[in-house]
Amino acid sequence: MVPTGSSPSRTFVGPPGPVGERVPLELITISDDSAVLFDGAAVVRAEGLEPGVEHRIGGVTFATLARPPGERLATVATVNDVHFGELECGRFIGLDLGPVLSSEPGEVPYPEVMSSAAAAEIAAAAPDAVVAKGDLTSVGLAEEYAAFEACYRPALGDRLLVTHGNHDVPLAGAAFACEAVQEVAVAGAVLAIVDTAEEGSAGGRLLTDQLEWLDELGARATEPVLVFGHHPCWQDSADDWVGGVGAAINPADSAGLVEVVARRPAIAGYFAGHTHRNRVRRFPASGAVPFVEVACTKDFPGSWAEYKIFDGGVLQVHHRISSPAALEWSEKCRALFAGLYPRYALGRLQDRCFRVR
């Protein structure tokens, strides 16, 4: 029921769980005109909603995102932490909470289950560009990257842009995704992709040349610049110290990135992965500009992000991969790290779906 009087279509995908095992509706996604809620493996989609007003569906009250002014110009999508070749999920050195999950013998490996469904959903959204922002592989093997390409490239073609994560350069550097910087124009925005991976380190870095390039791009850009990289920006917080410098770009280079963003108003946001969670942080020097982390594609919640670019602003819309096979796997992953993982990985609604500027 939508009290504003609009009449959204509602589609239920997948059977509800057995009686007694159903959980309350979980609101995962809001955009300017839709919402997606989950009841275990059942998906409730509400479409045709009025932007920027309160709605109530299945006992859940929420407000759709206010639509930026002007024409819808372009769509960009991202995935990260797809980890082709990974065999075990939930194993973290120094944190033995369990359980450790894996695909059963004879089953399609879970990274392929999740990414094949993600590629299909993204292709259906008809994006102008797709950024795969790192950890494309498990240990940087050529055959792992070939499996990634075989999954995503047929659906997305030349729209697919790739960059390294730490898992992609474990030894002498991978022979794929080797561009330090990439500049790609779409209608209404410029995509700036930076390789943050550092050989032999779980953490990230930005070279002086990369920061100078971004500074110069920000100075000449006449449309919003969306910056994408694998590692998030360091912030001196308890969360970052838990992971050590491996949780982010190193502090010195992070400070350099914040300085560039603060100096160049054209830069609208920095969008990363790596931490396997949804989170937005901001820094005093750069004001309202979001520094974003998007959860991983390979397990819970099974994420990809959409950027809806309008003449007057950009919306980030987080999506949970929703094929039956993907939901079956991601639901299993709720048990990871003694059941603590879902709250960490999913994050707050306002960290998943929001107006960039």
Protein backbone atom coordinates (compact mmCIF):
# COMPACT_ATOMS: atom_id res chain seq x y z
CA MET A 1 0.00 0.00 0.00
CA VAL A 2 1.34 3.42 -0.98
CA PRO A 3 -0.40 6.29 0.83
CA THR A 4 0.53 8.88 -1.78
CA GLY A 5 -1.97 7.38 -4.20
CA SER A 6 0.56 6.03 -6.69
CA SER A 7 0.07 2.42 -7.80
CA PRO A 8 3.41 0.60 -8.02
CA SER A 9 3.72 -2.82 -9.54
CA ARG A 10 4.73 -5.44 -6.99
CA THR A 11 6.57 -8.56 -8.11
CA PHE A 12 7.32 -11.50 -5.85
CA VAL A 13 10.36 -13.51 -6.91
CA GLY A 14 11.06 -16.87 -5.33
CA PRO A 15 9.03 -18.80 -2.78
CA PRO A 16 8.67 -17.62 0.82
CA GLY A 17 10.47 -19.65 3.44
CA PRO A 18 8.76 -22.34 5.52
CA VAL A 19 6.29 -21.19 8.15
CA GLY A 20 8.15 -20.15 11.29
CA GLU A 21 11.38 -19.39 9.42
CA ARG A 22 10.37 -16.13 7.74
CA VAL A 23 12.04 -12.93 8.86
CA PRO A 24 10.50 -9.42 8.81
CA LEU A 25 10.67 -7.58 5.51
CA GLU A 26 14.17 -6.17 5.05
CA LEU A 27 14.42 -2.95 3.07
CA ILE A 28 17.57 -3.19 0.94
CA THR A 29 17.15 -0.68 -1.89
CA ILE A 30 15.43 2.63 -2.45
CA SER A 31 15.75 4.83 -5.50
CA ASP A 32 13.83 7.84 -6.75
CA ASP A 33 10.99 5.67 -8.08
CA SER A 34 11.33 2.16 -6.63
CA ALA A 35 12.13 0.04 -3.60
CA VAL A 36 13.20 -3.56 -3.07
CA LEU A 37 12.48 -5.47 0.11
CA PHE A 38 13.32 -9.06 1.06
CA ASP A 39 11.45 -11.65 3.04
CA GLY A 40 14.10 -14.34 3.28
CA ALA A 41 14.45 -15.56 -0.31
CA ALA A 42 11.29 -13.78 -1.46
CA VAL A 43 11.77 -10.44 -3.21
CA VAL A 44 9.20 -7.63 -3.05
CA ARG A 45 9.68 -5.01 -5.74
CA ALA A 46 7.71 -1.78 -5.70
CA GLU A 47 7.99 0.31 -8.85
CA GLY A 48 6.43 3.49 -10.13
CA LEU A 49 6.76 5.23 -6.76
CA GLU A 50 6.64 8.98 -6.40
CA PRO A 51 10.10 10.47 -5.75
CA GLY A 52 11.01 12.11 -2.47
CA VAL A 53 7.95 11.13 -0.43
CA GLU A 54 7.11 8.63 2.29
CA HIS A 55 5.73 5.20 1.40
CA ARG A 56 4.66 2.18 3.43
CA ILE A 57 4.96 -1.38 2.11
CA GLY A 58 4.58 -4.57 4.13
CA GLY A 59 4.72 -2.65 7.39
CA VAL A 60 7.96 -0.89 6.41
CA THR A 61 7.92 2.90 6.12
CA PHE A 62 10.54 4.66 4.02
CA ALA A 63 11.05 7.70 1.80
CA THR A 64 12.14 7.41 -1.79
CA LEU A 65 15.14 9.47 -2.88
CA ALA A 66 14.45 12.96 -4.15
CA ARG A 67 15.07 12.97 -7.89
CA PRO A 68 17.72 15.47 -9.01
CA PRO A 69 16.48 18.16 -11.35
CA GLY A 70 16.83 17.92 -15.09
CA GLU A 71 17.05 15.12 -17.60
CA ARG A 72 18.32 11.60 -16.88
CA LEU A 73 21.58 11.52 -18.84
CA ALA A 74 23.45 8.29 -18.14
CA THR A 75 23.75 5.19 -16.00
CA VAL A 76 26.97 3.73 -14.57
CA ALA A 77 27.22 0.43 -12.69
CA THR A 78 29.94 -1.05 -10.49
CA VAL A 79 30.94 -4.38 -8.99
CA ASN A 80 33.87 -5.15 -6.71
CA ASP A 81 35.35 -8.05 -4.79
CA VAL A 82 34.07 -10.72 -7.15
CA HIS A 83 37.04 -13.04 -6.34
CA PHE A 84 36.98 -15.49 -9.24
CA GLY A 85 38.84 -18.64 -8.20
CA GLU A 86 38.03 -18.34 -4.50
CA LEU A 87 37.07 -21.68 -2.92
CA GLU A 88 36.30 -20.75 0.70
CA CYS A 89 34.22 -17.93 2.09
CA GLY A 90 34.59 -16.62 5.65
CA ARG A 91 38.20 -17.51 6.32
CA PHE A 92 40.02 -14.49 7.72
CA ILE A 93 43.53 -14.82 9.14
CA GLY A 94 43.55 -14.00 12.85
CA LEU A 95 39.76 -14.10 13.20
CA ASP A 96 38.61 -17.69 13.65
CA LEU A 97 34.88 -17.20 14.28
CA GLY A 98 33.46 -19.51 11.62
CA PRO A 99 31.75 -20.91 9.77
CA VAL A 100 33.83 -21.29 6.61
CA LEU A 101 31.54 -21.93 3.64
CA SER A 102 32.21 -23.34 0.19
CA SER A 103 30.37 -24.62 -2.84
CA GLU A 104 29.54 -28.31 -2.76
CA PRO A 105 31.39 -30.70 -5.10
CA GLY A 106 29.84 -30.56 -8.55
CA GLU A 107 28.17 -27.21 -7.94
CA VAL A 108 29.00 -24.06 -9.88
CA PRO A 109 31.55 -22.17 -7.73
CA TYR A 110 29.86 -19.43 -5.73
CA PRO A 111 31.87 -16.54 -7.28
CA GLU A 112 30.50 -17.58 -10.67
CA VAL A 113 26.96 -17.97 -9.33
CA MET A 114 26.99 -14.45 -7.93
CA SER A 115 28.75 -12.73 -10.82
CA SER A 116 26.76 -14.39 -13.59
CA ALA A 117 23.58 -13.13 -11.93
CA ALA A 118 25.13 -9.69 -11.36
CA ALA A 119 26.20 -9.43 -15.00
CA ALA A 120 22.67 -10.28 -16.15
CA GLU A 121 21.07 -7.71 -13.83
CA ILE A 122 23.53 -5.01 -14.82
CA ALA A 123 23.08 -5.70 -18.52
CA ALA A 124 19.31 -5.39 -18.06
CA ALA A 125 19.85 -1.91 -16.59
CA ALA A 126 21.53 -0.87 -19.89
CA PRO A 127 24.40 1.10 -18.33
CA ASP A 128 26.66 3.37 -20.34
CA ALA A 129 29.72 2.12 -18.43
CA VAL A 130 30.50 -0.55 -15.83
CA VAL A 131 33.48 -0.29 -13.48
CA ALA A 132 34.82 -3.50 -11.92
CA LYS A 133 36.83 -1.92 -9.15
CA GLY A 134 39.21 -4.61 -8.04
CA ASP A 135 39.64 -8.03 -6.51
CA LEU A 136 38.54 -9.55 -9.76
CA THR A 137 40.48 -12.71 -8.86
CA SER A 138 41.40 -14.73 -5.80
CA VAL A 139 45.19 -14.85 -6.21
CA GLY A 140 45.86 -13.00 -9.47
CA LEU A 141 46.06 -16.02 -11.79
CA ALA A 142 45.55 -15.51 -15.52
CA GLU A 143 42.93 -18.26 -15.61
CA GLU A 144 40.98 -16.55 -12.81
CA TYR A 145 40.92 -13.32 -14.76
CA ALA A 146 39.90 -15.23 -17.90
CA ALA A 147 36.91 -16.60 -15.96
CA PHE A 148 36.02 -13.05 -14.90
CA GLU A 149 36.17 -11.87 -18.52
CA ALA A 150 34.13 -14.84 -19.73
CA CYS A 151 31.41 -13.92 -17.24
CA TYR A 152 31.17 -10.16 -17.69
CA ARG A 153 32.54 -9.28 -21.14
CA PRO A 154 29.90 -11.04 -23.29
CA ALA A 155 27.12 -9.18 -21.48
CA LEU A 156 28.82 -5.78 -21.26
CA GLY A 157 31.38 -5.57 -24.06
CA ASP A 158 33.49 -2.43 -24.26
CA ARG A 159 31.41 -0.77 -21.56
CA LEU A 160 33.30 -2.88 -18.99
CA LEU A 161 36.24 -1.07 -17.35
CA VAL A 162 38.55 -2.86 -14.93
CA THR A 163 41.16 -2.00 -12.33
CA HIS A 164 43.26 -3.90 -9.79
CA GLY A 165 42.51 -4.87 -6.23
CA ASN A 166 45.05 -6.26 -3.80
CA HIS A 167 44.09 -9.85 -4.68
CA ASP A 168 44.99 -9.16 -8.31
CA VAL A 169 48.67 -8.29 -7.72
CA PRO A 170 49.94 -10.78 -5.11
CA LEU A 171 53.41 -11.35 -6.55
CA ALA A 172 55.09 -9.75 -9.55
CA GLY A 173 52.08 -7.85 -10.77
CA ALA A 174 49.22 -9.14 -12.87
CA ALA A 175 49.25 -8.86 -16.63
CA PHE A 176 45.71 -7.49 -16.74
CA ALA A 177 44.01 -4.27 -15.67
CA CYS A 178 47.37 -2.51 -15.60
CA GLU A 179 46.36 1.10 -16.29
CA ALA A 180 47.31 3.42 -13.43
CA VAL A 181 44.56 5.89 -14.36
CA GLN A 182 41.61 5.89 -16.73
CA GLU A 183 39.40 8.78 -17.81
CA VAL A 184 36.04 7.91 -19.35
CA ALA A 185 33.35 10.41 -20.31
CA VAL A 186 29.66 9.59 -20.11
CA ALA A 187 26.79 11.99 -20.61
CA GLY A 188 26.71 14.32 -17.62
CA ALA A 189 29.83 13.05 -15.83
CA VAL A 190 33.44 11.99 -16.06
CA LEU A 191 34.65 8.68 -14.58
CA ALA A 192 38.15 8.78 -13.10
CA ILE A 193 39.48 5.28 -12.30
CA VAL A 194 42.65 4.90 -10.23
CA ASP A 195 44.62 1.72 -9.54
CA THR A 196 45.18 1.72 -5.77
CA ALA A 197 46.77 -1.75 -5.47
CA GLU A 198 50.30 -2.09 -4.14
CA GLU A 199 52.37 -5.18 -4.85
CA GLY A 200 52.78 -7.34 -1.75
CA SER A 201 50.33 -5.39 0.40
CA ALA A 202 46.69 -5.80 1.35
CA GLY A 203 46.49 -2.03 1.73
CA GLY A 204 46.42 0.59 -0.96
CA ARG A 205 48.40 3.54 -2.21
CA LEU A 206 48.13 6.42 -4.67
CA LEU A 207 51.26 7.54 -6.49
CA THR A 208 52.16 11.20 -6.84
CA ASP A 209 51.55 10.98 -10.59
CA GLN A 210 48.05 9.65 -9.98
CA LEU A 211 47.17 12.42 -7.54
CA GLU A 212 48.56 15.05 -9.92
CA TRP A 213 46.53 13.55 -12.75
CA LEU A 214 43.35 13.64 -10.67
CA ASP A 215 44.09 17.22 -9.61
CA GLU A 216 44.50 18.28 -13.22
CA LEU A 217 41.33 16.45 -14.26
CA GLY A 218 39.38 18.08 -11.45
CA ALA A 219 40.66 21.49 -12.52
CA ARG A 220 39.51 21.19 -16.13
CA ALA A 221 36.32 19.17 -15.69
CA THR A 222 33.09 20.95 -16.54
CA GLU A 223 30.87 18.10 -15.31
CA PRO A 224 30.91 16.06 -12.07
CA VAL A 225 33.87 13.72 -11.68
CA LEU A 226 33.16 10.32 -10.09
CA VAL A 227 36.38 8.71 -8.85
CA PHE A 228 36.60 4.92 -8.56
CA GLY A 229 39.30 2.78 -6.93
CA HIS A 230 39.55 -0.47 -5.00
CA HIS A 231 40.73 0.73 -1.58
CA PRO A 232 38.79 3.22 0.54
CA CYS A 233 40.29 6.36 1.93
CA TRP A 234 41.91 6.06 5.38
CA GLN A 235 40.20 7.76 8.28
CA ASP A 236 41.73 7.58 11.74
CA SER A 237 38.91 5.59 13.29
CA ALA A 238 38.49 2.39 15.25
CA ASP A 239 37.23 0.61 12.13
CA ASP A 240 40.38 1.38 10.18
CA TRP A 241 42.70 0.45 13.03
CA VAL A 242 41.03 -2.95 13.35
CA GLY A 243 42.19 -3.77 9.83
CA GLY A 244 45.49 -1.93 10.11
CA VAL A 245 46.75 -0.16 7.01
CA GLY A 246 45.40 -3.11 5.03
CA ALA A 247 41.91 -1.67 5.44
CA ALA A 248 42.52 1.38 3.25
CA ILE A 249 44.86 3.54 1.20
CA ASN A 250 47.78 4.39 3.45
CA PRO A 251 47.27 7.49 5.63
CA ALA A 252 49.68 9.78 3.74
CA ASP A 253 48.21 9.04 0.31
CA SER A 254 44.68 9.24 1.71
CA ALA A 255 45.46 12.72 2.99
CA GLY A 256 46.66 13.62 -0.49
CA LEU A 257 43.42 12.37 -2.00
CA VAL A 258 41.30 14.37 0.43
CA GLU A 259 43.35 17.48 -0.36
CA VAL A 260 42.71 17.07 -4.10
CA VAL A 261 38.99 16.49 -3.55
CA ALA A 262 38.78 19.53 -1.28
CA ARG A 263 40.58 21.68 -3.86
CA ARG A 264 38.49 20.58 -6.87
CA PRO A 265 34.73 21.12 -6.50
CA ALA A 266 34.09 19.18 -9.70
CA ILE A 267 34.99 15.94 -7.88
CA ALA A 268 31.63 14.65 -6.65
CA GLY A 269 32.68 11.49 -4.80
CA TYR A 270 35.17 8.66 -4.33
CA PHE A 271 33.79 5.11 -4.64
CA ALA A 272 35.68 2.03 -3.43
CA GLY A 273 35.25 -1.60 -2.37
CA HIS A 274 37.77 -3.80 -0.50
CA THR A 275 36.14 -3.80 2.94
CA HIS A 276 33.12 -5.90 1.88
CA ARG A 277 30.65 -3.47 3.45
CA ASN A 278 28.45 -0.52 2.58
CA ARG A 279 29.61 2.68 4.25
CA VAL A 280 29.86 6.41 3.54
CA ARG A 281 32.29 8.72 5.29
CA ARG A 282 33.05 12.39 4.91
CA PHE A 283 36.01 14.56 5.86
CA PRO A 284 35.98 18.11 7.24
CA ALA A 285 38.27 19.41 4.49
CA SER A 286 36.09 18.11 1.63
CA GLY A 287 32.71 18.86 3.18
CA ALA A 288 29.72 16.92 1.87
CA VAL A 289 31.64 14.91 -0.73
CA PRO A 290 31.05 11.20 0.03
CA PHE A 291 33.87 8.67 0.36
CA VAL A 292 32.01 5.45 -0.30
CA GLU A 293 32.56 1.73 0.25
CA VAL A 294 30.30 -0.75 -1.57
CA ALA A 295 29.86 -4.30 -0.27
CA CYS A 296 31.19 -7.28 -2.18
CA THR A 297 29.53 -9.12 -5.02
CA LYS A 298 30.61 -12.63 -4.02
CA ASP A 299 28.71 -13.21 -0.75
CA PHE A 300 26.28 -11.33 1.51
CA PRO A 301 24.49 -9.18 0.56
CA GLY A 302 25.70 -9.80 -2.99
CA SER A 303 26.06 -6.22 -4.17
CA TRP A 304 26.32 -4.10 -7.25
CA ALA A 305 25.82 -0.36 -7.38
CA GLU A 306 24.06 1.83 -9.90
CA TYR A 307 24.78 5.52 -10.48
CA LYS A 308 21.85 7.37 -12.02
CA ILE A 309 23.23 10.55 -13.54
CA PHE A 310 20.88 13.48 -14.03
CA ASP A 311 21.56 16.96 -15.31
CA GLY A 312 21.29 18.23 -11.72
CA GLY A 313 22.90 15.46 -9.68
CA VAL A 314 23.75 11.78 -9.20
CA LEU A 315 22.04 9.04 -7.19
CA GLN A 316 23.81 5.93 -5.86
CA VAL A 317 21.42 2.97 -5.75
CA HIS A 318 22.65 -0.25 -4.12
CA HIS A 319 21.26 -3.51 -5.49
CA ARG A 320 21.23 -6.97 -3.95
CA ILE A 321 21.68 -9.71 -6.57
CA SER A 322 18.33 -11.43 -6.71
CA SER A 323 18.43 -14.60 -8.80
CA PRO A 324 17.24 -17.66 -6.85
CA ALA A 325 20.69 -19.26 -6.89
CA ALA A 326 22.40 -16.04 -5.80
CA LEU A 327 19.94 -15.50 -2.98
CA GLU A 328 20.34 -19.07 -1.79
CA TRP A 329 24.11 -18.55 -1.48
CA SER A 330 24.00 -15.07 0.02
CA GLU A 331 21.43 -16.17 2.60
CA LYS A 332 23.84 -18.90 3.72
CA CYS A 333 26.50 -16.22 4.15
CA ARG A 334 24.46 -14.49 6.86
CA ALA A 335 26.05 -17.04 9.22
CA LEU A 336 29.61 -15.85 8.55
CA PHE A 337 31.75 -14.59 11.43
CA ALA A 338 29.47 -16.07 14.07
CA GLY A 339 26.45 -14.35 12.55
CA LEU A 340 27.96 -10.86 12.89
CA TYR A 341 28.60 -10.40 9.18
CA PRO A 342 25.17 -9.19 7.95
CA ARG A 343 25.11 -6.09 10.13
CA TYR A 344 28.68 -5.22 9.16
CA ALA A 345 28.33 -5.89 5.44
CA LEU A 346 24.88 -4.47 4.75
CA GLY A 347 25.41 -1.14 6.52
CA ARG A 348 22.80 1.56 6.92
CA LEU A 349 20.24 2.35 4.24
CA GLN A 350 21.65 5.87 3.90
CA ASP A 351 25.07 4.35 3.21
CA ARG A 352 23.63 2.27 0.37
CA CYS A 353 21.23 4.59 -1.41
CA PHE A 354 21.72 8.34 -1.43
CA ARG A 355 22.13 11.48 -3.49
CA VAL A 356 25.76 12.15 -4.35
CA ARG A 357 25.28 15.81 -5.22
